[in-house]
Amino acid sequence: MKTQEFLTLLQENEHKALLFEYKEGQFVDTNYHITEVKNAVIKSVDCGGRSDVWNETIIQLWESPSEKGKLGYMKSKKALEILERVSAIHPFDGEAITKFEYSNENFHKADLEIQDVQFEANKMIVKLFVSATDCKAKELCGVPEKLEVLATESSACCDPKSGCC
């Protein structure tokens, strides 16, 4: 989801509790804070030598240990106010991809993308997902879409001639 789309959803649902589902049935706890917002410019070169540039807005969610057991989630309005404060200092690219940086004691640190947003009576639930890594230059490197590796006694998975990136 693009940053401007996310900001608009927050504005349209400002009185709703803002929940983040980081894994099926697992939610960021009620004691979360938005602790950092990064306006990132990603400059990359894939294994085929092609250059790419794009922007990301990365919103860090952190659970405060001192507020464990806090009742009630942050309202969308408060999240919007924080993001507007950030944007006044470092303006957002509305077309940037929005990601959420999150971890807890049971979940590795990850940049999670928005898969869906669901609405209940007084809740805005942002469903997040971990995107997989991928080879962006399969056609240039000769890597098939589904790599089939036939294991034999004389061949190794990491053989330079195996076709792996």
N, C-alpha and C. Protein backbone atom coordinates (compact mmCIF):
# COMPACT_ATOMS: atom_id res chain seq x y z
N MET A 1 0.84 -1.18 0.00
CA MET A 1 0.00 0.00 0.00
C MET A 1 0.89 1.24 0.00
N LYS A 2 0.48 2.22 -0.76
CA LYS A 2 1.23 3.46 -0.83
C LYS A 2 0.96 4.32 0.41
N THR A 3 1.92 5.16 0.73
CA THR A 3 1.85 5.97 1.94
C THR A 3 0.62 6.86 1.98
N GLN A 4 0.30 7.52 0.87
CA GLN A 4 -0.87 8.40 0.87
C GLN A 4 -2.16 7.62 1.11
N GLU A 5 -2.25 6.41 0.57
CA GLU A 5 -3.42 5.57 0.81
C GLU A 5 -3.56 5.24 2.29
N PHE A 6 -2.44 4.92 2.93
CA PHE A 6 -2.48 4.59 4.35
C PHE A 6 -2.88 5.80 5.18
N LEU A 7 -2.31 6.96 4.88
CA LEU A 7 -2.65 8.18 5.60
C LEU A 7 -4.13 8.52 5.45
N THR A 8 -4.67 8.32 4.26
CA THR A 8 -6.09 8.58 4.01
C THR A 8 -6.96 7.64 4.84
N LEU A 9 -6.59 6.37 4.91
CA LEU A 9 -7.35 5.42 5.74
C LEU A 9 -7.33 5.82 7.21
N LEU A 10 -6.17 6.28 7.69
CA LEU A 10 -6.10 6.73 9.08
C LEU A 10 -7.03 7.92 9.30
N GLN A 11 -7.02 8.84 8.37
CA GLN A 11 -7.86 10.04 8.48
C GLN A 11 -9.34 9.69 8.44
N GLU A 12 -9.72 8.78 7.56
CA GLU A 12 -11.13 8.40 7.42
C GLU A 12 -11.63 7.56 8.60
N ASN A 13 -10.71 7.01 9.37
CA ASN A 13 -11.07 6.12 10.48
C ASN A 13 -10.42 6.57 11.79
N GLU A 14 -10.30 7.87 11.97
CA GLU A 14 -9.52 8.41 13.08
C GLU A 14 -10.02 8.03 14.47
N HIS A 15 -11.27 7.66 14.62
CA HIS A 15 -11.79 7.32 15.95
C HIS A 15 -11.72 5.82 16.24
N LYS A 16 -11.19 5.07 15.29
CA LYS A 16 -11.09 3.62 15.48
C LYS A 16 -9.75 3.25 16.11
N ALA A 17 -9.77 2.17 16.87
CA ALA A 17 -8.54 1.61 17.42
C ALA A 17 -7.73 1.04 16.26
N LEU A 18 -6.42 1.24 16.31
CA LEU A 18 -5.53 0.81 15.23
C LEU A 18 -4.77 -0.44 15.67
N LEU A 19 -5.09 -1.55 15.04
CA LEU A 19 -4.47 -2.83 15.36
C LEU A 19 -3.62 -3.30 14.18
N PHE A 20 -2.53 -3.99 14.50
CA PHE A 20 -1.65 -4.56 13.49
C PHE A 20 -1.54 -6.06 13.71
N GLU A 21 -1.93 -6.83 12.71
CA GLU A 21 -1.81 -8.28 12.75
C GLU A 21 -0.55 -8.64 11.96
N TYR A 22 0.50 -9.06 12.67
CA TYR A 22 1.79 -9.31 12.02
C TYR A 22 1.95 -10.74 11.53
N LYS A 23 1.09 -11.62 12.01
CA LYS A 23 1.09 -13.03 11.64
C LYS A 23 -0.33 -13.51 11.88
N GLU A 24 -0.80 -14.48 11.13
CA GLU A 24 -2.18 -14.94 11.27
C GLU A 24 -2.57 -15.13 12.74
N GLY A 25 -3.52 -14.32 13.21
CA GLY A 25 -4.00 -14.41 14.58
C GLY A 25 -3.08 -13.81 15.64
N GLN A 26 -1.97 -13.22 15.24
CA GLN A 26 -1.01 -12.61 16.18
C GLN A 26 -1.00 -11.10 15.96
N PHE A 27 -1.28 -10.36 17.03
CA PHE A 27 -1.37 -8.91 16.94
C PHE A 27 -0.26 -8.22 17.74
N VAL A 28 0.20 -7.08 17.22
CA VAL A 28 1.09 -6.23 17.99
C VAL A 28 0.31 -5.87 19.24
N ASP A 29 0.97 -5.92 20.40
CA ASP A 29 0.29 -5.72 21.68
C ASP A 29 -0.22 -4.28 21.84
N THR A 30 -1.13 -4.09 22.78
CA THR A 30 -1.74 -2.78 23.03
C THR A 30 -0.72 -1.74 23.49
N ASN A 31 0.43 -2.16 23.95
CA ASN A 31 1.44 -1.24 24.48
C ASN A 31 2.40 -0.74 23.40
N TYR A 32 1.99 -0.83 22.13
CA TYR A 32 2.91 -0.40 21.07
C TYR A 32 2.99 1.11 20.94
N HIS A 33 4.13 1.54 20.45
CA HIS A 33 4.39 2.94 20.12
C HIS A 33 4.94 3.00 18.70
N ILE A 34 4.72 4.11 18.04
CA ILE A 34 5.40 4.39 16.77
C ILE A 34 6.66 5.15 17.17
N THR A 35 7.80 4.48 17.08
CA THR A 35 9.04 5.03 17.63
C THR A 35 9.95 5.66 16.59
N GLU A 36 9.75 5.35 15.34
CA GLU A 36 10.60 5.92 14.30
C GLU A 36 9.89 5.77 12.97
N VAL A 37 10.08 6.76 12.11
CA VAL A 37 9.55 6.69 10.75
C VAL A 37 10.69 7.02 9.81
N LYS A 38 10.93 6.13 8.88
CA LYS A 38 12.03 6.30 7.93
C LYS A 38 11.47 6.59 6.55
N ASN A 39 11.97 7.64 5.94
CA ASN A 39 11.69 7.93 4.54
C ASN A 39 12.92 7.43 3.79
N ALA A 40 12.83 6.22 3.27
CA ALA A 40 14.01 5.57 2.69
C ALA A 40 13.99 5.62 1.17
N VAL A 41 15.16 5.92 0.62
CA VAL A 41 15.37 5.82 -0.82
C VAL A 41 16.20 4.56 -1.01
N ILE A 42 15.63 3.61 -1.72
CA ILE A 42 16.32 2.35 -1.98
C ILE A 42 16.94 2.43 -3.37
N LYS A 43 18.25 2.25 -3.40
CA LYS A 43 18.99 2.20 -4.67
C LYS A 43 19.57 0.80 -4.75
N SER A 44 19.16 0.06 -5.75
CA SER A 44 19.60 -1.33 -5.82
C SER A 44 20.13 -1.68 -7.20
N VAL A 45 20.90 -2.75 -7.22
CA VAL A 45 21.36 -3.35 -8.46
C VAL A 45 21.12 -4.84 -8.31
N ASP A 46 20.37 -5.44 -9.22
CA ASP A 46 20.09 -6.86 -9.11
C ASP A 46 21.26 -7.67 -9.69
N CYS A 47 21.17 -8.99 -9.56
CA CYS A 47 22.27 -9.86 -9.99
C CYS A 47 22.46 -9.86 -11.49
N GLY A 48 21.52 -9.28 -12.24
CA GLY A 48 21.66 -9.15 -13.68
C GLY A 48 22.28 -7.82 -14.08
N GLY A 49 22.63 -6.99 -13.07
CA GLY A 49 23.27 -5.72 -13.34
C GLY A 49 22.31 -4.58 -13.61
N ARG A 50 21.03 -4.79 -13.39
CA ARG A 50 20.05 -3.72 -13.63
C ARG A 50 19.86 -2.90 -12.37
N SER A 51 19.86 -1.58 -12.56
CA SER A 51 19.70 -0.65 -11.46
C SER A 51 18.22 -0.30 -11.28
N ASP A 52 17.84 -0.04 -10.02
CA ASP A 52 16.46 0.36 -9.72
C ASP A 52 16.49 1.31 -8.53
N VAL A 53 15.53 2.20 -8.45
CA VAL A 53 15.41 3.14 -7.34
C VAL A 53 13.93 3.26 -6.99
N TRP A 54 13.62 3.22 -5.69
CA TRP A 54 12.26 3.44 -5.24
C TRP A 54 12.29 3.97 -3.82
N ASN A 55 11.16 4.51 -3.37
CA ASN A 55 11.04 5.05 -2.02
C ASN A 55 10.16 4.15 -1.16
N GLU A 56 10.48 4.11 0.12
CA GLU A 56 9.68 3.39 1.09
C GLU A 56 9.48 4.26 2.31
N THR A 57 8.31 4.15 2.93
CA THR A 57 8.05 4.74 4.23
C THR A 57 8.03 3.57 5.20
N ILE A 58 8.95 3.56 6.15
CA ILE A 58 9.06 2.45 7.10
C ILE A 58 8.71 2.97 8.48
N ILE A 59 7.64 2.43 9.04
CA ILE A 59 7.12 2.85 10.34
C ILE A 59 7.48 1.78 11.36
N GLN A 60 8.25 2.18 12.36
CA GLN A 60 8.69 1.22 13.38
C GLN A 60 7.66 1.14 14.50
N LEU A 61 7.27 -0.10 14.81
CA LEU A 61 6.36 -0.36 15.93
C LEU A 61 7.16 -1.04 17.03
N TRP A 62 7.02 -0.53 18.24
CA TRP A 62 7.77 -1.05 19.39
C TRP A 62 6.82 -1.22 20.57
N GLU A 63 6.94 -2.34 21.25
CA GLU A 63 6.11 -2.60 22.43
C GLU A 63 6.88 -2.20 23.68
N SER A 64 6.32 -1.28 24.43
CA SER A 64 6.96 -0.78 25.65
C SER A 64 6.80 -1.78 26.79
N PRO A 65 7.90 -2.32 27.31
CA PRO A 65 7.80 -3.29 28.42
C PRO A 65 7.13 -2.69 29.66
N SER A 66 7.30 -1.40 29.88
CA SER A 66 6.72 -0.78 31.07
C SER A 66 5.21 -0.59 30.96
N GLU A 67 4.66 -0.78 29.77
CA GLU A 67 3.22 -0.61 29.58
C GLU A 67 2.52 -1.93 29.24
N LYS A 68 3.18 -3.04 29.53
CA LYS A 68 2.60 -4.37 29.28
C LYS A 68 1.25 -4.45 29.99
N GLY A 69 0.26 -4.96 29.29
CA GLY A 69 -1.07 -5.08 29.89
C GLY A 69 -1.92 -3.83 29.75
N LYS A 70 -1.43 -2.83 29.04
CA LYS A 70 -2.17 -1.59 28.81
C LYS A 70 -3.52 -1.91 28.17
N LEU A 71 -4.54 -1.22 28.60
CA LEU A 71 -5.86 -1.42 28.03
C LEU A 71 -6.04 -0.51 26.82
N GLY A 72 -6.55 -1.04 25.78
CA GLY A 72 -6.88 -0.25 24.60
C GLY A 72 -5.71 0.03 23.67
N TYR A 73 -6.03 -0.03 22.40
CA TYR A 73 -5.04 0.25 21.35
C TYR A 73 -4.99 1.75 21.03
N MET A 74 -3.90 2.17 20.44
CA MET A 74 -3.76 3.53 19.94
C MET A 74 -4.87 3.78 18.91
N LYS A 75 -5.41 4.96 18.93
CA LYS A 75 -6.41 5.35 17.95
C LYS A 75 -5.72 5.77 16.65
N SER A 76 -6.41 5.59 15.55
CA SER A 76 -5.87 5.99 14.25
C SER A 76 -5.50 7.47 14.23
N LYS A 77 -6.27 8.29 14.94
CA LYS A 77 -6.01 9.74 14.98
C LYS A 77 -4.63 10.03 15.57
N LYS A 78 -4.26 9.33 16.65
CA LYS A 78 -2.96 9.56 17.26
C LYS A 78 -1.84 9.15 16.31
N ALA A 79 -2.01 8.01 15.64
CA ALA A 79 -1.01 7.57 14.66
C ALA A 79 -0.87 8.60 13.55
N LEU A 80 -2.00 9.12 13.08
CA LEU A 80 -1.98 10.14 12.04
C LEU A 80 -1.25 11.39 12.51
N GLU A 81 -1.50 11.82 13.75
CA GLU A 81 -0.81 13.00 14.30
C GLU A 81 0.70 12.80 14.35
N ILE A 82 1.13 11.61 14.73
CA ILE A 82 2.58 11.30 14.76
C ILE A 82 3.14 11.38 13.35
N LEU A 83 2.46 10.78 12.40
CA LEU A 83 2.95 10.76 11.02
C LEU A 83 2.93 12.16 10.40
N GLU A 84 1.95 12.97 10.75
CA GLU A 84 1.92 14.36 10.26
C GLU A 84 3.09 15.16 10.84
N ARG A 85 3.44 14.90 12.10
CA ARG A 85 4.60 15.57 12.72
C ARG A 85 5.89 15.19 11.98
N VAL A 86 6.01 13.92 11.65
CA VAL A 86 7.18 13.45 10.89
C VAL A 86 7.21 14.12 9.52
N SER A 87 6.08 14.13 8.85
CA SER A 87 6.02 14.67 7.50
C SER A 87 6.31 16.17 7.45
N ALA A 88 6.05 16.88 8.54
CA ALA A 88 6.37 18.31 8.61
C ALA A 88 7.89 18.52 8.62
N ILE A 89 8.62 17.53 9.11
CA ILE A 89 10.09 17.62 9.16
C ILE A 89 10.71 17.01 7.90
N HIS A 90 10.27 15.83 7.56
CA HIS A 90 10.73 15.11 6.36
C HIS A 90 9.48 14.68 5.59
N PRO A 91 9.06 15.47 4.61
CA PRO A 91 7.82 15.17 3.88
C PRO A 91 7.82 13.76 3.26
N PHE A 92 6.66 13.13 3.30
CA PHE A 92 6.50 11.81 2.72
C PHE A 92 6.38 11.88 1.22
N ASP A 93 6.80 10.82 0.57
CA ASP A 93 6.47 10.58 -0.82
C ASP A 93 5.19 9.77 -0.77
N GLY A 94 4.09 10.35 -1.17
CA GLY A 94 2.80 9.67 -1.11
C GLY A 94 2.74 8.40 -1.92
N GLU A 95 3.61 8.27 -2.91
CA GLU A 95 3.64 7.09 -3.77
C GLU A 95 4.57 5.99 -3.22
N ALA A 96 5.26 6.28 -2.12
CA ALA A 96 6.19 5.31 -1.53
C ALA A 96 5.42 4.11 -0.96
N ILE A 97 6.04 2.96 -1.00
CA ILE A 97 5.48 1.76 -0.39
C ILE A 97 5.56 1.94 1.13
N THR A 98 4.49 1.57 1.84
CA THR A 98 4.48 1.65 3.31
C THR A 98 4.84 0.28 3.88
N LYS A 99 5.79 0.28 4.80
CA LYS A 99 6.19 -0.95 5.49
C LYS A 99 6.21 -0.67 6.99
N PHE A 100 6.13 -1.73 7.76
CA PHE A 100 6.20 -1.63 9.22
C PHE A 100 7.33 -2.50 9.72
N GLU A 101 8.24 -1.89 10.46
CA GLU A 101 9.34 -2.61 11.08
C GLU A 101 8.88 -3.05 12.46
N TYR A 102 8.99 -4.36 12.73
CA TYR A 102 8.46 -4.87 13.99
C TYR A 102 9.19 -6.14 14.39
N SER A 103 9.26 -6.34 15.70
CA SER A 103 9.71 -7.61 16.26
C SER A 103 9.21 -7.68 17.69
N ASN A 104 9.19 -8.88 18.24
CA ASN A 104 8.95 -9.09 19.66
C ASN A 104 9.72 -10.34 20.07
N GLU A 105 9.56 -10.78 21.29
CA GLU A 105 10.35 -11.91 21.77
C GLU A 105 10.05 -13.21 21.03
N ASN A 106 8.92 -13.27 20.32
CA ASN A 106 8.55 -14.48 19.60
C ASN A 106 8.56 -14.33 18.08
N PHE A 107 8.96 -13.14 17.60
CA PHE A 107 8.90 -12.86 16.17
C PHE A 107 10.13 -12.07 15.76
N HIS A 108 10.85 -12.56 14.77
CA HIS A 108 12.07 -11.92 14.29
C HIS A 108 11.80 -10.52 13.75
N LYS A 109 12.80 -9.68 13.76
CA LYS A 109 12.65 -8.33 13.20
C LYS A 109 12.43 -8.46 11.69
N ALA A 110 11.43 -7.74 11.22
CA ALA A 110 11.10 -7.79 9.80
C ALA A 110 10.46 -6.49 9.36
N ASP A 111 10.63 -6.18 8.09
CA ASP A 111 9.89 -5.10 7.45
C ASP A 111 8.68 -5.76 6.81
N LEU A 112 7.51 -5.45 7.34
CA LEU A 112 6.27 -6.09 6.93
C LEU A 112 5.47 -5.17 6.02
N GLU A 113 4.90 -5.73 4.99
CA GLU A 113 4.08 -4.96 4.07
C GLU A 113 2.60 -5.14 4.42
N ILE A 114 1.79 -4.21 3.95
CA ILE A 114 0.35 -4.28 4.20
C ILE A 114 -0.28 -5.21 3.17
N GLN A 115 -0.93 -6.25 3.67
CA GLN A 115 -1.63 -7.20 2.81
C GLN A 115 -3.09 -6.78 2.63
N ASP A 116 -3.68 -6.27 3.70
CA ASP A 116 -5.09 -5.94 3.68
C ASP A 116 -5.40 -5.03 4.88
N VAL A 117 -6.49 -4.32 4.81
CA VAL A 117 -7.00 -3.55 5.95
C VAL A 117 -8.45 -3.94 6.11
N GLN A 118 -8.81 -4.33 7.32
CA GLN A 118 -10.18 -4.73 7.61
C GLN A 118 -10.75 -3.80 8.66
N PHE A 119 -12.05 -3.63 8.60
CA PHE A 119 -12.72 -2.71 9.52
C PHE A 119 -13.79 -3.46 10.30
N GLU A 120 -13.80 -3.23 11.59
CA GLU A 120 -14.85 -3.73 12.46
C GLU A 120 -15.46 -2.49 13.10
N ALA A 121 -16.47 -2.66 13.89
CA ALA A 121 -17.22 -1.53 14.46
C ALA A 121 -16.32 -0.38 14.91
N ASN A 122 -15.37 -0.64 15.76
CA ASN A 122 -14.50 0.44 16.27
C ASN A 122 -13.02 0.08 16.13
N LYS A 123 -12.70 -0.75 15.12
CA LYS A 123 -11.31 -1.16 14.90
C LYS A 123 -10.93 -1.04 13.43
N MET A 124 -9.69 -0.63 13.23
CA MET A 124 -9.07 -0.68 11.91
C MET A 124 -7.92 -1.68 12.05
N ILE A 125 -8.04 -2.81 11.38
CA ILE A 125 -7.05 -3.88 11.51
C ILE A 125 -6.18 -3.91 10.26
N VAL A 126 -4.89 -3.62 10.44
CA VAL A 126 -3.93 -3.62 9.35
C VAL A 126 -3.26 -4.99 9.36
N LYS A 127 -3.54 -5.78 8.32
CA LYS A 127 -2.98 -7.12 8.21
C LYS A 127 -1.66 -7.02 7.45
N LEU A 128 -0.60 -7.45 8.11
CA LEU A 128 0.75 -7.35 7.56
C LEU A 128 1.24 -8.71 7.10
N PHE A 129 2.27 -8.72 6.25
CA PHE A 129 2.87 -9.97 5.83
C PHE A 129 4.35 -9.77 5.56
N VAL A 130 5.09 -10.85 5.69
CA VAL A 130 6.52 -10.85 5.37
C VAL A 130 6.64 -11.22 3.91
N SER A 131 7.24 -10.36 3.11
CA SER A 131 7.42 -10.69 1.70
C SER A 131 8.68 -11.55 1.55
N ALA A 132 8.65 -12.41 0.56
CA ALA A 132 9.77 -13.32 0.32
C ALA A 132 10.83 -12.64 -0.54
N THR A 133 12.06 -13.11 -0.39
CA THR A 133 13.12 -12.64 -1.29
C THR A 133 12.92 -13.33 -2.64
N ASP A 134 13.49 -12.72 -3.67
CA ASP A 134 13.33 -13.27 -5.00
C ASP A 134 14.47 -12.80 -5.89
N CYS A 135 14.75 -13.53 -6.92
CA CYS A 135 15.71 -13.11 -7.93
C CYS A 135 14.95 -12.26 -8.94
N LYS A 136 15.36 -11.01 -9.12
CA LYS A 136 14.66 -10.10 -10.01
C LYS A 136 15.16 -10.22 -11.46
N ALA A 137 16.20 -10.98 -11.67
CA ALA A 137 16.77 -11.08 -13.02
C ALA A 137 16.81 -12.52 -13.51
N LYS A 138 15.76 -13.27 -13.23
CA LYS A 138 15.72 -14.69 -13.61
C LYS A 138 16.01 -14.88 -15.09
N GLU A 139 15.37 -14.05 -15.92
CA GLU A 139 15.53 -14.23 -17.37
C GLU A 139 16.95 -13.91 -17.82
N LEU A 140 17.62 -12.97 -17.17
CA LEU A 140 19.00 -12.63 -17.52
C LEU A 140 19.99 -13.68 -17.02
N CYS A 141 19.69 -14.26 -15.87
CA CYS A 141 20.60 -15.25 -15.27
C CYS A 141 20.30 -16.67 -15.73
N GLY A 142 19.20 -16.85 -16.45
CA GLY A 142 18.84 -18.19 -16.91
C GLY A 142 18.28 -19.06 -15.80
N VAL A 143 17.72 -18.43 -14.76
CA VAL A 143 17.14 -19.19 -13.66
C VAL A 143 15.66 -19.41 -13.97
N PRO A 144 15.22 -20.68 -14.03
CA PRO A 144 13.80 -20.92 -14.29
C PRO A 144 12.94 -20.44 -13.13
N GLU A 145 11.68 -20.18 -13.42
CA GLU A 145 10.75 -19.71 -12.39
C GLU A 145 10.71 -20.67 -11.21
N LYS A 146 10.66 -21.97 -11.48
CA LYS A 146 10.71 -22.98 -10.43
C LYS A 146 11.96 -23.82 -10.68
N LEU A 147 12.93 -23.63 -9.82
CA LEU A 147 14.19 -24.33 -9.97
C LEU A 147 14.06 -25.74 -9.42
N GLU A 148 14.29 -26.72 -10.28
CA GLU A 148 14.26 -28.11 -9.85
C GLU A 148 15.70 -28.60 -9.76
N VAL A 149 16.10 -29.03 -8.60
CA VAL A 149 17.45 -29.53 -8.39
C VAL A 149 17.35 -31.04 -8.19
N LEU A 150 18.03 -31.76 -9.04
CA LEU A 150 18.07 -33.20 -8.91
C LEU A 150 19.31 -33.57 -8.14
N ALA A 151 19.14 -34.14 -6.97
CA ALA A 151 20.27 -34.51 -6.13
C ALA A 151 20.75 -35.91 -6.49
N THR A 152 22.03 -36.01 -6.78
CA THR A 152 22.66 -37.31 -6.99
C THR A 152 23.89 -37.35 -6.12
N GLU A 153 24.49 -38.51 -6.04
CA GLU A 153 25.68 -38.64 -5.20
C GLU A 153 26.81 -37.75 -5.70
N SER A 154 26.88 -37.51 -7.01
CA SER A 154 28.01 -36.76 -7.56
C SER A 154 27.71 -35.27 -7.74
N SER A 155 26.46 -34.84 -7.52
CA SER A 155 26.16 -33.41 -7.70
C SER A 155 25.86 -32.76 -6.36
N ALA A 156 26.22 -31.51 -6.26
CA ALA A 156 25.97 -30.75 -5.04
C ALA A 156 25.03 -29.61 -5.36
N CYS A 157 24.20 -29.25 -4.42
CA CYS A 157 23.24 -28.15 -4.61
C CYS A 157 23.94 -26.84 -4.96
N CYS A 158 25.08 -26.60 -4.36
CA CYS A 158 25.77 -25.33 -4.57
C CYS A 158 26.84 -25.42 -5.66
N ASP A 159 26.76 -26.38 -6.53
CA ASP A 159 27.70 -26.50 -7.66
C ASP A 159 27.57 -25.25 -8.52
N PRO A 160 28.68 -24.61 -8.90
CA PRO A 160 28.62 -23.40 -9.72
C PRO A 160 27.86 -23.60 -11.02
N LYS A 161 27.75 -24.80 -11.50
CA LYS A 161 27.05 -25.08 -12.76
C LYS A 161 25.58 -25.46 -12.53
N SER A 162 25.11 -25.34 -11.29
CA SER A 162 23.75 -25.79 -10.96
C SER A 162 22.67 -24.83 -11.42
N GLY A 163 23.02 -23.57 -11.75
CA GLY A 163 22.02 -22.60 -12.16
C GLY A 163 21.52 -21.72 -11.03
N CYS A 164 22.01 -21.93 -9.82
CA CYS A 164 21.61 -21.09 -8.69
C CYS A 164 22.21 -19.70 -8.87
N CYS A 165 21.57 -18.69 -8.31
CA CYS A 165 22.10 -17.32 -8.36
C CYS A 165 23.39 -17.23 -7.58
